[in-house]
Amino acid sequence: MVHIKAADAVRFEIEDVRFLGLAAPSRGARETAVWQVSLAPGAQGTSHRLSREEVLVALSGQARAQIGGQTHSVQAGDAIVVPPETEFSLSNDGAAPFVAVAVLPVGAKAQIGDGAAFVPPW
């Protein structure tokens, strides 16, 4: 068993989005990566797609999810299931941060536009 304390978790930031890397191969996970994502008020998500299914569970705040051309309003307690190879973005039009936990199989790759696919660093 590996115990990853929040205080020791790796943090990443991309513009108005913060990531707290919880479980990943670099921290002992073999099959599933898990991180916390926090979108600041006004954050506009970057459209991207993943090679594997991603699940997000909203913990607080509200967000707008664009999944495969459809818009969904997401609030605390909701879950989002993003199918593989589907364009996806999250934006926060609210006044408070939006916080969610994201789960993705280890080895899944992300791609932004026509750019090269990469394994997310979380």
PDB file of N, CA and C in Angstrom:
ATOM      1  N   MET A   1       0.848  -1.188   0.000  1.00  0.00           N
ATOM      2  CA  MET A   1       0.000   0.000   0.000  1.00  0.00           C
ATOM      3  C   MET A   1       0.880   1.234   0.000  1.00  0.00           C
ATOM      4  N   VAL A   2       0.483   2.218  -0.778  1.00  0.00           N
ATOM      5  CA  VAL A   2       1.178   3.488  -0.827  1.00  0.00           C
ATOM      6  C   VAL A   2       0.244   4.550  -0.270  1.00  0.00           C
ATOM      7  N   HIS A   3       0.741   5.362   0.644  1.00  0.00           N
ATOM      8  CA  HIS A   3      -0.037   6.454   1.228  1.00  0.00           C
ATOM      9  C   HIS A   3       0.551   7.757   0.718  1.00  0.00           C
ATOM     10  N   ILE A   4      -0.243   8.513  -0.024  1.00  0.00           N
ATOM     11  CA  ILE A   4       0.210   9.779  -0.588  1.00  0.00           C
ATOM     12  C   ILE A   4      -0.490  10.902   0.175  1.00  0.00           C
ATOM     13  N   LYS A   5       0.267  11.644   0.939  1.00  0.00           N
ATOM     14  CA  LYS A   5      -0.302  12.757   1.703  1.00  0.00           C
ATOM     15  C   LYS A   5      -0.488  13.959   0.797  1.00  0.00           C
ATOM     16  N   ALA A   6      -1.593  14.671   0.978  1.00  0.00           N
ATOM     17  CA  ALA A   6      -1.884  15.840   0.155  1.00  0.00           C
ATOM     18  C   ALA A   6      -0.730  16.844   0.215  1.00  0.00           C
ATOM     19  N   ALA A   7      -0.125  16.986   1.374  1.00  0.00           N
ATOM     20  CA  ALA A   7       0.981  17.941   1.528  1.00  0.00           C
ATOM     21  C   ALA A   7       2.181  17.557   0.667  1.00  0.00           C
ATOM     22  N   ASP A   8       2.323  16.273   0.339  1.00  0.00           N
ATOM     23  CA  ASP A   8       3.453  15.795  -0.456  1.00  0.00           C
ATOM     24  C   ASP A   8       3.121  15.642  -1.941  1.00  0.00           C
ATOM     25  N   ALA A   9       1.875  15.828  -2.298  1.00  0.00           N
ATOM     26  CA  ALA A   9       1.453  15.618  -3.688  1.00  0.00           C
ATOM     27  C   ALA A   9       2.056  16.686  -4.596  1.00  0.00           C
ATOM     28  N   VAL A  10       2.330  16.296  -5.817  1.00  0.00           N
ATOM     29  CA  VAL A  10       2.904  17.204  -6.808  1.00  0.00           C
ATOM     30  C   VAL A  10       1.831  18.168  -7.290  1.00  0.00           C
ATOM     31  N   ARG A  11       2.214  19.436  -7.434  1.00  0.00           N
ATOM     32  CA  ARG A  11       1.285  20.453  -7.903  1.00  0.00           C
ATOM     33  C   ARG A  11       1.734  20.963  -9.273  1.00  0.00           C
ATOM     34  N   PHE A  12       0.733  21.200 -10.132  1.00  0.00           N
ATOM     35  CA  PHE A  12       0.977  21.731 -11.466  1.00  0.00           C
ATOM     36  C   PHE A  12       0.006  22.874 -11.685  1.00  0.00           C
ATOM     37  N   GLU A  13       0.370  23.806 -12.518  1.00  0.00           N
ATOM     38  CA  GLU A  13      -0.530  24.903 -12.846  1.00  0.00           C
ATOM     39  C   GLU A  13      -0.412  25.207 -14.333  1.00  0.00           C
ATOM     40  N   ILE A  14      -1.554  25.333 -14.997  1.00  0.00           N
ATOM     41  CA  ILE A  14      -1.619  25.733 -16.392  1.00  0.00           C
ATOM     42  C   ILE A  14      -2.641  26.859 -16.471  1.00  0.00           C
ATOM     43  N   GLU A  15      -2.160  28.069 -16.659  1.00  0.00           N
ATOM     44  CA  GLU A  15      -3.001  29.263 -16.683  1.00  0.00           C
ATOM     45  C   GLU A  15      -3.850  29.326 -15.414  1.00  0.00           C
ATOM     46  N   ASP A  16      -5.183  29.305 -15.530  1.00  0.00           N
ATOM     47  CA  ASP A  16      -6.072  29.438 -14.369  1.00  0.00           C
ATOM     48  C   ASP A  16      -6.529  28.097 -13.807  1.00  0.00           C
ATOM     49  N   VAL A  17      -5.803  27.025 -14.127  1.00  0.00           N
ATOM     50  CA  VAL A  17      -6.178  25.690 -13.668  1.00  0.00           C
ATOM     51  C   VAL A  17      -5.030  25.113 -12.839  1.00  0.00           C
ATOM     52  N   ARG A  18      -5.367  24.631 -11.647  1.00  0.00           N
ATOM     53  CA  ARG A  18      -4.373  24.008 -10.760  1.00  0.00           C
ATOM     54  C   ARG A  18      -4.648  22.517 -10.667  1.00  0.00           C
ATOM     55  N   PHE A  19      -3.565  21.742 -10.625  1.00  0.00           N
ATOM     56  CA  PHE A  19      -3.670  20.300 -10.508  1.00  0.00           C
ATOM     57  C   PHE A  19      -2.895  19.841  -9.290  1.00  0.00           C
ATOM     58  N   LEU A  20      -3.480  18.927  -8.540  1.00  0.00           N
ATOM     59  CA  LEU A  20      -2.835  18.297  -7.400  1.00  0.00           C
ATOM     60  C   LEU A  20      -2.735  16.821  -7.733  1.00  0.00           C
ATOM     61  N   GLY A  21      -1.542  16.369  -8.108  1.00  0.00           N
ATOM     62  CA  GLY A  21      -1.341  14.982  -8.512  1.00  0.00           C
ATOM     63  C   GLY A  21      -1.373  14.057  -7.314  1.00  0.00           C
ATOM     64  N   LEU A  22      -2.340  13.194  -7.251  1.00  0.00           N
ATOM     65  CA  LEU A  22      -2.486  12.295  -6.104  1.00  0.00           C
ATOM     66  C   LEU A  22      -1.884  10.929  -6.407  1.00  0.00           C
ATOM     67  N   ALA A  23      -2.518  10.155  -7.251  1.00  0.00           N
ATOM     68  CA  ALA A  23      -2.011   8.822  -7.589  1.00  0.00           C
ATOM     69  C   ALA A  23      -1.513   8.825  -9.024  1.00  0.00           C
ATOM     70  N   ALA A  24      -0.316   8.293  -9.225  1.00  0.00           N
ATOM     71  CA  ALA A  24       0.301   8.202 -10.547  1.00  0.00           C
ATOM     72  C   ALA A  24       1.427   7.178 -10.454  1.00  0.00           C
ATOM     73  N   PRO A  25       1.928   6.694 -11.579  1.00  0.00           N
ATOM     74  CA  PRO A  25       3.033   5.736 -11.514  1.00  0.00           C
ATOM     75  C   PRO A  25       4.237   6.254 -10.730  1.00  0.00           C
ATOM     76  N   SER A  26       4.498   7.550 -10.821  1.00  0.00           N
ATOM     77  CA  SER A  26       5.634   8.120 -10.079  1.00  0.00           C
ATOM     78  C   SER A  26       5.410   8.101  -8.571  1.00  0.00           C
ATOM     79  N   ARG A  27       4.177   7.834  -8.144  1.00  0.00           N
ATOM     80  CA  ARG A  27       3.852   7.784  -6.719  1.00  0.00           C
ATOM     81  C   ARG A  27       3.282   6.426  -6.321  1.00  0.00           C
ATOM     82  N   GLY A  28       3.530   5.389  -7.138  1.00  0.00           N
ATOM     83  CA  GLY A  28       3.181   4.033  -6.741  1.00  0.00           C
ATOM     84  C   GLY A  28       1.946   3.430  -7.368  1.00  0.00           C
ATOM     85  N   ALA A  29       1.148   4.202  -8.113  1.00  0.00           N
ATOM     86  CA  ALA A  29      -0.047   3.646  -8.757  1.00  0.00           C
ATOM     87  C   ALA A  29       0.364   2.896 -10.019  1.00  0.00           C
ATOM     88  N   ARG A  30      -0.236   1.769 -10.254  1.00  0.00           N
ATOM     89  CA  ARG A  30       0.113   0.978 -11.431  1.00  0.00           C
ATOM     90  C   ARG A  30      -0.945   1.035 -12.521  1.00  0.00           C
ATOM     91  N   GLU A  31      -2.210   1.240 -12.158  1.00  0.00           N
ATOM     92  CA  GLU A  31      -3.280   1.159 -13.146  1.00  0.00           C
ATOM     93  C   GLU A  31      -4.112   2.418 -13.291  1.00  0.00           C
ATOM     94  N   THR A  32      -4.179   3.235 -12.240  1.00  0.00           N
ATOM     95  CA  THR A  32      -5.089   4.370 -12.251  1.00  0.00           C
ATOM     96  C   THR A  32      -4.387   5.639 -11.767  1.00  0.00           C
ATOM     97  N   ALA A  33      -4.551   6.720 -12.525  1.00  0.00           N
ATOM     98  CA  ALA A  33      -4.044   8.026 -12.113  1.00  0.00           C
ATOM     99  C   ALA A  33      -5.219   8.843 -11.579  1.00  0.00           C
ATOM    100  N   VAL A  34      -4.977   9.565 -10.488  1.00  0.00           N
ATOM    101  CA  VAL A  34      -6.016  10.377  -9.861  1.00  0.00           C
ATOM    102  C   VAL A  34      -5.401  11.726  -9.499  1.00  0.00           C
ATOM    103  N   TRP A  35      -6.114  12.791  -9.799  1.00  0.00           N
ATOM    104  CA  TRP A  35      -5.655  14.113  -9.400  1.00  0.00           C
ATOM    105  C   TRP A  35      -6.842  14.987  -9.086  1.00  0.00           C
ATOM    106  N   GLN A  36      -6.574  16.057  -8.385  1.00  0.00           N
ATOM    107  CA  GLN A  36      -7.592  17.056  -8.091  1.00  0.00           C
ATOM    108  C   GLN A  36      -7.351  18.219  -9.037  1.00  0.00           C
ATOM    109  N   VAL A  37      -8.405  18.722  -9.639  1.00  0.00           N
ATOM    110  CA  VAL A  37      -8.304  19.852 -10.555  1.00  0.00           C
ATOM    111  C   VAL A  37      -9.143  20.994  -9.997  1.00  0.00           C
ATOM    112  N   SER A  38      -8.586  22.189 -10.046  1.00  0.00           N
ATOM    113  CA  SER A  38      -9.283  23.367  -9.537  1.00  0.00           C
ATOM    114  C   SER A  38      -9.231  24.458 -10.591  1.00  0.00           C
ATOM    115  N   LEU A  39     -10.409  24.903 -11.033  1.00  0.00           N
ATOM    116  CA  LEU A  39     -10.503  25.979 -12.013  1.00  0.00           C
ATOM    117  C   LEU A  39     -10.865  27.265 -11.295  1.00  0.00           C
ATOM    118  N   ALA A  40     -10.052  28.288 -11.475  1.00  0.00           N
ATOM    119  CA  ALA A  40     -10.334  29.589 -10.887  1.00  0.00           C
ATOM    120  C   ALA A  40     -11.569  30.196 -11.553  1.00  0.00           C
ATOM    121  N   PRO A  41     -12.265  31.097 -10.855  1.00  0.00           N
ATOM    122  CA  PRO A  41     -13.384  31.784 -11.497  1.00  0.00           C
ATOM    123  C   PRO A  41     -12.912  32.436 -12.796  1.00  0.00           C
ATOM    124  N   GLY A  42     -13.698  32.270 -13.847  1.00  0.00           N
ATOM    125  CA  GLY A  42     -13.353  32.846 -15.136  1.00  0.00           C
ATOM    126  C   GLY A  42     -12.443  31.983 -15.994  1.00  0.00           C
ATOM    127  N   ALA A  43     -11.955  30.865 -15.461  1.00  0.00           N
ATOM    128  CA  ALA A  43     -11.048  29.994 -16.219  1.00  0.00           C
ATOM    129  C   ALA A  43     -11.767  29.427 -17.443  1.00  0.00           C
ATOM    130  N   GLN A  44     -11.110  29.521 -18.574  1.00  0.00           N
ATOM    131  CA  GLN A  44     -11.644  28.972 -19.824  1.00  0.00           C
ATOM    132  C   GLN A  44     -10.809  27.762 -20.197  1.00  0.00           C
ATOM    133  N   GLY A  45     -11.438  26.622 -20.283  1.00  0.00           N
ATOM    134  CA  GLY A  45     -10.734  25.377 -20.542  1.00  0.00           C
ATOM    135  C   GLY A  45     -10.183  25.276 -21.947  1.00  0.00           C
ATOM    136  N   THR A  46      -9.143  24.484 -22.090  1.00  0.00           N
ATOM    137  CA  THR A  46      -8.543  24.195 -23.384  1.00  0.00           C
ATOM    138  C   THR A  46      -9.145  22.906 -23.920  1.00  0.00           C
ATOM    139  N   SER A  47      -9.664  22.954 -25.122  1.00  0.00           N
ATOM    140  CA  SER A  47     -10.237  21.759 -25.722  1.00  0.00           C
ATOM    141  C   SER A  47      -9.137  20.740 -25.996  1.00  0.00           C
ATOM    142  N   HIS A  48      -9.391  19.496 -25.593  1.00  0.00           N
ATOM    143  CA  HIS A  48      -8.425  18.416 -25.767  1.00  0.00           C
ATOM    144  C   HIS A  48      -9.168  17.093 -25.828  1.00  0.00           C
ATOM    145  N   ARG A  49      -8.453  16.043 -26.130  1.00  0.00           N
ATOM    146  CA  ARG A  49      -9.054  14.707 -26.110  1.00  0.00           C
ATOM    147  C   ARG A  49      -8.048  13.745 -25.498  1.00  0.00           C
ATOM    148  N   LEU A  50      -8.572  12.657 -24.982  1.00  0.00           N
ATOM    149  CA  LEU A  50      -7.756  11.654 -24.311  1.00  0.00           C
ATOM    150  C   LEU A  50      -7.938  10.305 -24.999  1.00  0.00           C
ATOM    151  N   SER A  51      -6.916   9.481 -24.922  1.00  0.00           N
ATOM    152  CA  SER A  51      -6.988   8.171 -25.568  1.00  0.00           C
ATOM    153  C   SER A  51      -7.806   7.158 -24.782  1.00  0.00           C
ATOM    154  N   ARG A  52      -8.100   7.459 -23.542  1.00  0.00           N
ATOM    155  CA  ARG A  52      -8.879   6.554 -22.678  1.00  0.00           C
ATOM    156  C   ARG A  52     -10.002   7.342 -22.005  1.00  0.00           C
ATOM    157  N   GLU A  53     -10.982   6.634 -21.476  1.00  0.00           N
ATOM    158  CA  GLU A  53     -12.086   7.260 -20.760  1.00  0.00           C
ATOM    159  C   GLU A  53     -11.576   7.983 -19.514  1.00  0.00           C
ATOM    160  N   GLU A  54     -12.111   9.192 -19.273  1.00  0.00           N
ATOM    161  CA  GLU A  54     -11.791   9.943 -18.062  1.00  0.00           C
ATOM    162  C   GLU A  54     -13.087  10.167 -17.281  1.00  0.00           C
ATOM    163  N   VAL A  55     -13.001  10.056 -15.964  1.00  0.00           N
ATOM    164  CA  VAL A  55     -14.143  10.322 -15.094  1.00  0.00           C
ATOM    165  C   VAL A  55     -13.762  11.460 -14.161  1.00  0.00           C
ATOM    166  N   LEU A  56     -14.641  12.457 -14.045  1.00  0.00           N
ATOM    167  CA  LEU A  56     -14.442  13.564 -13.121  1.00  0.00           C
ATOM    168  C   LEU A  56     -15.623  13.611 -12.169  1.00  0.00           C
ATOM    169  N   VAL A  57     -15.343  13.837 -10.894  1.00  0.00           N
ATOM    170  CA  VAL A  57     -16.384  13.974  -9.879  1.00  0.00           C
ATOM    171  C   VAL A  57     -16.244  15.362  -9.275  1.00  0.00           C
ATOM    172  N   ALA A  58     -17.291  16.174  -9.421  1.00  0.00           N
ATOM    173  CA  ALA A  58     -17.272  17.548  -8.927  1.00  0.00           C
ATOM    174  C   ALA A  58     -17.401  17.569  -7.404  1.00  0.00           C
ATOM    175  N   LEU A  59     -16.488  18.281  -6.748  1.00  0.00           N
ATOM    176  CA  LEU A  59     -16.507  18.393  -5.288  1.00  0.00           C
ATOM    177  C   LEU A  59     -17.124  19.699  -4.817  1.00  0.00           C
ATOM    178  N   SER A  60     -16.843  20.797  -5.534  1.00  0.00           N
ATOM    179  CA  SER A  60     -17.406  22.093  -5.142  1.00  0.00           C
ATOM    180  C   SER A  60     -17.430  23.033  -6.331  1.00  0.00           C
ATOM    181  N   GLY A  61     -18.274  24.044  -6.246  1.00  0.00           N
ATOM    182  CA  GLY A  61     -18.405  25.019  -7.317  1.00  0.00           C
ATOM    183  C   GLY A  61     -19.236  24.482  -8.468  1.00  0.00           C
ATOM    184  N   GLN A  62     -19.130  25.190  -9.597  1.00  0.00           N
ATOM    185  CA  GLN A  62     -19.851  24.766 -10.787  1.00  0.00           C
ATOM    186  C   GLN A  62     -18.992  25.043 -12.011  1.00  0.00           C
ATOM    187  N   ALA A  63     -19.242  24.288 -13.076  1.00  0.00           N
ATOM    188  CA  ALA A  63     -18.464  24.431 -14.292  1.00  0.00           C
ATOM    189  C   ALA A  63     -19.341  24.151 -15.495  1.00  0.00           C
ATOM    190  N   ARG A  64     -18.801  24.522 -16.657  1.00  0.00           N
ATOM    191  CA  ARG A  64     -19.431  24.209 -17.930  1.00  0.00           C
ATOM    192  C   ARG A  64     -18.517  23.221 -18.630  1.00  0.00           C
ATOM    193  N   ALA A  65     -19.052  22.055 -18.947  1.00  0.00           N
ATOM    194  CA  ALA A  65     -18.281  21.022 -19.643  1.00  0.00           C
ATOM    195  C   ALA A  65     -18.753  20.948 -21.084  1.00  0.00           C
ATOM    196  N   GLN A  66     -17.805  20.998 -22.008  1.00  0.00           N
ATOM    197  CA  GLN A  66     -18.082  20.777 -23.419  1.00  0.00           C
ATOM    198  C   GLN A  66     -17.561  19.378 -23.727  1.00  0.00           C
ATOM    199  N   ILE A  67     -18.457  18.468 -24.084  1.00  0.00           N
ATOM    200  CA  ILE A  67     -18.077  17.085 -24.363  1.00  0.00           C
ATOM    201  C   ILE A  67     -18.665  16.694 -25.714  1.00  0.00           C
ATOM    202  N   GLY A  68     -17.804  16.480 -26.686  1.00  0.00           N
ATOM    203  CA  GLY A  68     -18.276  16.057 -28.003  1.00  0.00           C
ATOM    204  C   GLY A  68     -19.285  17.005 -28.611  1.00  0.00           C
ATOM    205  N   GLY A  69     -19.104  18.315 -28.407  1.00  0.00           N
ATOM    206  CA  GLY A  69     -20.003  19.302 -28.997  1.00  0.00           C
ATOM    207  C   GLY A  69     -21.254  19.593 -28.184  1.00  0.00           C
ATOM    208  N   GLN A  70     -21.442  18.917 -27.059  1.00  0.00           N
ATOM    209  CA  GLN A  70     -22.591  19.169 -26.178  1.00  0.00           C
ATOM    210  C   GLN A  70     -22.122  19.895 -24.927  1.00  0.00           C
ATOM    211  N   THR A  71     -22.950  20.812 -24.432  1.00  0.00           N
ATOM    212  CA  THR A  71     -22.622  21.583 -23.234  1.00  0.00           C
ATOM    213  C   THR A  71     -23.404  21.045 -22.047  1.00  0.00           C
ATOM    214  N   HIS A  72     -22.697  20.880 -20.923  1.00  0.00           N
ATOM    215  CA  HIS A  72     -23.316  20.364 -19.701  1.00  0.00           C
ATOM    216  C   HIS A  72     -22.971  21.298 -18.555  1.00  0.00           C
ATOM    217  N   SER A  73     -23.937  21.598 -17.709  1.00  0.00           N
ATOM    218  CA  SER A  73     -23.713  22.360 -16.489  1.00  0.00           C
ATOM    219  C   SER A  73     -23.389  21.361 -15.382  1.00  0.00           C
ATOM    220  N   VAL A  74     -22.255  21.537 -14.733  1.00  0.00           N
ATOM    221  CA  VAL A  74     -21.778  20.586 -13.730  1.00  0.00           C
ATOM    222  C   VAL A  74     -21.688  21.290 -12.384  1.00  0.00           C
ATOM    223  N   GLN A  75     -22.190  20.639 -11.337  1.00  0.00           N
ATOM    224  CA  GLN A  75     -22.094  21.208  -9.998  1.00  0.00           C
ATOM    225  C   GLN A  75     -21.688  20.134  -9.001  1.00  0.00           C
ATOM    226  N   ALA A  76     -21.361  20.555  -7.794  1.00  0.00           N
ATOM    227  CA  ALA A  76     -20.883  19.651  -6.757  1.00  0.00           C
ATOM    228  C   ALA A  76     -21.776  18.416  -6.654  1.00  0.00           C
ATOM    229  N   GLY A  77     -21.134  17.248  -6.631  1.00  0.00           N
ATOM    230  CA  GLY A  77     -21.844  15.978  -6.535  1.00  0.00           C
ATOM    231  C   GLY A  77     -22.061  15.301  -7.874  1.00  0.00           C
ATOM    232  N   ASP A  78     -21.939  16.061  -8.976  1.00  0.00           N
ATOM    233  CA  ASP A  78     -22.118  15.478 -10.310  1.00  0.00           C
ATOM    234  C   ASP A  78     -20.866  14.721 -10.734  1.00  0.00           C
ATOM    235  N   ALA A  79     -21.049  13.812 -11.661  1.00  0.00           N
ATOM    236  CA  ALA A  79     -19.925  13.106 -12.282  1.00  0.00           C
ATOM    237  C   ALA A  79     -20.015  13.301 -13.789  1.00  0.00           C
ATOM    238  N   ILE A  80     -18.859  13.363 -14.424  1.00  0.00           N
ATOM    239  CA  ILE A  80     -18.755  13.481 -15.871  1.00  0.00           C
ATOM    240  C   ILE A  80     -17.968  12.272 -16.354  1.00  0.00           C
ATOM    241  N   VAL A  81     -18.459  11.611 -17.391  1.00  0.00           N
ATOM    242  CA  VAL A  81     -17.719  10.522 -18.021  1.00  0.00           C
ATOM    243  C   VAL A  81     -17.407  10.983 -19.440  1.00  0.00           C
ATOM    244  N   VAL A  82     -16.114  11.139 -19.721  1.00  0.00           N
ATOM    245  CA  VAL A  82     -15.678  11.599 -21.037  1.00  0.00           C
ATOM    246  C   VAL A  82     -15.172  10.393 -21.820  1.00  0.00           C
ATOM    247  N   PRO A  83     -15.862  10.048 -22.918  1.00  0.00           N
ATOM    248  CA  PRO A  83     -15.424   8.898 -23.711  1.00  0.00           C
ATOM    249  C   PRO A  83     -14.051   9.145 -24.344  1.00  0.00           C
ATOM    250  N   PRO A  84     -13.339   8.080 -24.665  1.00  0.00           N
ATOM    251  CA  PRO A  84     -12.048   8.250 -25.328  1.00  0.00           C
ATOM    252  C   PRO A  84     -12.198   8.955 -26.681  1.00  0.00           C
ATOM    253  N   GLU A  85     -11.145   9.685 -27.056  1.00  0.00           N
ATOM    254  CA  GLU A  85     -11.066  10.360 -28.361  1.00  0.00           C
ATOM    255  C   GLU A  85     -12.226  11.314 -28.609  1.00  0.00           C
ATOM    256  N   THR A  86     -12.706  11.966 -27.544  1.00  0.00           N
ATOM    257  CA  THR A  86     -13.815  12.913 -27.635  1.00  0.00           C
ATOM    258  C   THR A  86     -13.327  14.286 -27.191  1.00  0.00           C
ATOM    259  N   GLU A  87     -13.573  15.317 -28.009  1.00  0.00           N
ATOM    260  CA  GLU A  87     -13.172  16.682 -27.641  1.00  0.00           C
ATOM    261  C   GLU A  87     -13.862  17.068 -26.334  1.00  0.00           C
ATOM    262  N   PHE A  88     -13.071  17.672 -25.435  1.00  0.00           N
ATOM    263  CA  PHE A  88     -13.559  17.969 -24.096  1.00  0.00           C
ATOM    264  C   PHE A  88     -12.884  19.220 -23.550  1.00  0.00           C
ATOM    265  N   SER A  89     -13.656  20.046 -22.847  1.00  0.00           N
ATOM    266  CA  SER A  89     -13.082  21.168 -22.105  1.00  0.00           C
ATOM    267  C   SER A  89     -13.978  21.485 -20.911  1.00  0.00           C
ATOM    268  N   LEU A  90     -13.372  22.077 -19.896  1.00  0.00           N
ATOM    269  CA  LEU A  90     -14.078  22.535 -18.702  1.00  0.00           C
ATOM    270  C   LEU A  90     -13.808  24.014 -18.531  1.00  0.00           C
ATOM    271  N   SER A  91     -14.841  24.793 -18.245  1.00  0.00           N
ATOM    272  CA  SER A  91     -14.689  26.222 -17.991  1.00  0.00           C
ATOM    273  C   SER A  91     -15.471  26.575 -16.742  1.00  0.00           C
ATOM    274  N   ASN A  92     -15.027  27.635 -16.065  1.00  0.00           N
ATOM    275  CA  ASN A  92     -15.695  28.083 -14.855  1.00  0.00           C
ATOM    276  C   ASN A  92     -16.196  29.503 -15.060  1.00  0.00           C
ATOM    277  N   ASP A  93     -17.494  29.646 -15.263  1.00  0.00           N
ATOM    278  CA  ASP A  93     -18.110  30.961 -15.417  1.00  0.00           C
ATOM    279  C   ASP A  93     -18.619  31.501 -14.086  1.00  0.00           C
ATOM    280  N   GLY A  94     -18.448  30.740 -13.001  1.00  0.00           N
ATOM    281  CA  GLY A  94     -18.958  31.125 -11.697  1.00  0.00           C
ATOM    282  C   GLY A  94     -18.027  32.065 -10.944  1.00  0.00           C
ATOM    283  N   ALA A  95     -18.456  32.434  -9.744  1.00  0.00           N
ATOM    284  CA  ALA A  95     -17.697  33.363  -8.903  1.00  0.00           C
ATOM    285  C   ALA A  95     -16.771  32.642  -7.928  1.00  0.00           C
ATOM    286  N   ALA A  96     -16.924  31.320  -7.810  1.00  0.00           N
ATOM    287  CA  ALA A  96     -16.103  30.535  -6.874  1.00  0.00           C
ATOM    288  C   ALA A  96     -15.300  29.507  -7.668  1.00  0.00           C
ATOM    289  N   PRO A  97     -14.210  29.004  -7.104  1.00  0.00           N
ATOM    290  CA  PRO A  97     -13.451  27.959  -7.793  1.00  0.00           C
ATOM    291  C   PRO A  97     -14.304  26.708  -8.002  1.00  0.00           C
ATOM    292  N   PHE A  98     -14.017  25.993  -9.074  1.00  0.00           N
ATOM    293  CA  PHE A  98     -14.618  24.688  -9.323  1.00  0.00           C
ATOM    294  C   PHE A  98     -13.548  23.652  -9.016  1.00  0.00           C
ATOM    295  N   VAL A  99     -13.889  22.680  -8.172  1.00  0.00           N
ATOM    296  CA  VAL A  99     -12.926  21.652  -7.774  1.00  0.00           C
ATOM    297  C   VAL A  99     -13.524  20.282  -8.074  1.00  0.00           C
ATOM    298  N   ALA A 100     -12.709  19.418  -8.692  1.00  0.00           N
ATOM    299  CA  ALA A 100     -13.147  18.065  -9.017  1.00  0.00           C
ATOM    300  C   ALA A 100     -11.988  17.093  -8.849  1.00  0.00           C
ATOM    301  N   VAL A 101     -12.316  15.822  -8.736  1.00  0.00           N
ATOM    302  CA  VAL A 101     -11.319  14.753  -8.751  1.00  0.00           C
ATOM    303  C   VAL A 101     -11.434  14.085 -10.112  1.00  0.00           C
ATOM    304  N   ALA A 102     -10.289  13.892 -10.775  1.00  0.00           N
ATOM    305  CA  ALA A 102     -10.250  13.266 -12.092  1.00  0.00           C
ATOM    306  C   ALA A 102      -9.562  11.911 -11.987  1.00  0.00           C
ATOM    307  N   VAL A 103     -10.081  10.935 -12.741  1.00  0.00           N
ATOM    308  CA  VAL A 103      -9.555   9.569 -12.732  1.00  0.00           C
ATOM    309  C   VAL A 103      -9.338   9.142 -14.184  1.00  0.00           C
ATOM    310  N   LEU A 104      -8.137   8.623 -14.461  1.00  0.00           N
ATOM    311  CA  LEU A 104      -7.765   8.253 -15.818  1.00  0.00           C
ATOM    312  C   LEU A 104      -6.841   7.044 -15.752  1.00  0.00           C
ATOM    313  N   PRO A 105      -7.012   6.056 -16.636  1.00  0.00           N
ATOM    314  CA  PRO A 105      -6.101   4.909 -16.614  1.00  0.00           C
ATOM    315  C   PRO A 105      -4.654   5.342 -16.874  1.00  0.00           C
ATOM    316  N   VAL A 106      -3.723   4.717 -16.191  1.00  0.00           N
ATOM    317  CA  VAL A 106      -2.302   4.973 -16.389  1.00  0.00           C
ATOM    318  C   VAL A 106      -1.955   4.689 -17.852  1.00  0.00           C
ATOM    319  N   GLY A 107      -1.149   5.553 -18.430  1.00  0.00           N
ATOM    320  CA  GLY A 107      -0.717   5.385 -19.813  1.00  0.00           C
ATOM    321  C   GLY A 107      -1.588   6.084 -20.828  1.00  0.00           C
ATOM    322  N   ALA A 108      -2.719   6.620 -20.392  1.00  0.00           N
ATOM    323  CA  ALA A 108      -3.582   7.356 -21.317  1.00  0.00           C
ATOM    324  C   ALA A 108      -2.842   8.579 -21.831  1.00  0.00           C
ATOM    325  N   LYS A 109      -3.106   8.937 -23.070  1.00  0.00           N
ATOM    326  CA  LYS A 109      -2.448  10.090 -23.669  1.00  0.00           C
ATOM    327  C   LYS A 109      -3.454  11.191 -23.944  1.00  0.00           C
ATOM    328  N   ALA A 110      -2.985  12.429 -23.859  1.00  0.00           N
ATOM    329  CA  ALA A 110      -3.791  13.603 -24.158  1.00  0.00           C
ATOM    330  C   ALA A 110      -3.296  14.217 -25.457  1.00  0.00           C
ATOM    331  N   GLN A 111      -4.196  14.917 -26.143  1.00  0.00           N
ATOM    332  CA  GLN A 111      -3.812  15.617 -27.360  1.00  0.00           C
ATOM    333  C   GLN A 111      -4.599  16.911 -27.453  1.00  0.00           C
ATOM    334  N   ILE A 112      -3.906  17.985 -27.751  1.00  0.00           N
ATOM    335  CA  ILE A 112      -4.525  19.297 -27.927  1.00  0.00           C
ATOM    336  C   ILE A 112      -4.431  19.640 -29.408  1.00  0.00           C
ATOM    337  N   GLY A 113      -5.583  19.792 -30.048  1.00  0.00           N
ATOM    338  CA  GLY A 113      -5.604  20.101 -31.480  1.00  0.00           C
ATOM    339  C   GLY A 113      -4.881  19.043 -32.285  1.00  0.00           C
ATOM    340  N   ASP A 114      -4.027  19.505 -33.194  1.00  0.00           N
ATOM    341  CA  ASP A 114      -3.253  18.592 -34.034  1.00  0.00           C
ATOM    342  C   ASP A 114      -1.873  18.320 -33.446  1.00  0.00           C
ATOM    343  N   GLY A 115      -1.655  18.760 -32.210  1.00  0.00           N
ATOM    344  CA  GLY A 115      -0.356  18.568 -31.570  1.00  0.00           C
ATOM    345  C   GLY A 115      -0.070  17.104 -31.293  1.00  0.00           C
ATOM    346  N   ALA A 116       1.156  16.844 -30.910  1.00  0.00           N
ATOM    347  CA  ALA A 116       1.573  15.480 -30.582  1.00  0.00           C
ATOM    348  C   ALA A 116       0.884  15.005 -29.306  1.00  0.00           C
ATOM    349  N   ALA A 117       0.519  13.734 -29.267  1.00  0.00           N
ATOM    350  CA  ALA A 117      -0.073  13.139 -28.069  1.00  0.00           C
ATOM    351  C   ALA A 117       1.007  13.022 -26.989  1.00  0.00           C
ATOM    352  N   PHE A 118       0.596  13.210 -25.732  1.00  0.00           N
ATOM    353  CA  PHE A 118       1.540  13.142 -24.607  1.00  0.00           C
ATOM    354  C   PHE A 118       0.850  12.533 -23.402  1.00  0.00           C
ATOM    355  N   VAL A 119       1.645  11.956 -22.505  1.00  0.00           N
ATOM    356  CA  VAL A 119       1.112  11.433 -21.243  1.00  0.00           C
ATOM    357  C   VAL A 119       1.062  12.591 -20.258  1.00  0.00           C
ATOM    358  N   PRO A 120      -0.116  12.913 -19.686  1.00  0.00           N
ATOM    359  CA  PRO A 120      -0.202  14.023 -18.732  1.00  0.00           C
ATOM    360  C   PRO A 120       0.770  13.809 -17.565  1.00  0.00           C
ATOM    361  N   PRO A 121       1.331  14.894 -17.032  1.00  0.00           N
ATOM    362  CA  PRO A 121       2.352  14.789 -15.988  1.00  0.00           C
ATOM    363  C   PRO A 121       1.832  14.513 -14.580  1.00  0.00           C
ATOM    364  N   TRP A 122       0.541  14.459 -14.381  1.00  0.00           N
ATOM    365  CA  TRP A 122       0.053  14.298 -13.017  1.00  0.00           C
ATOM    366  C   TRP A 122       0.316  12.928 -12.502  1.00  0.00           C
TER     367      TRP A 122
END
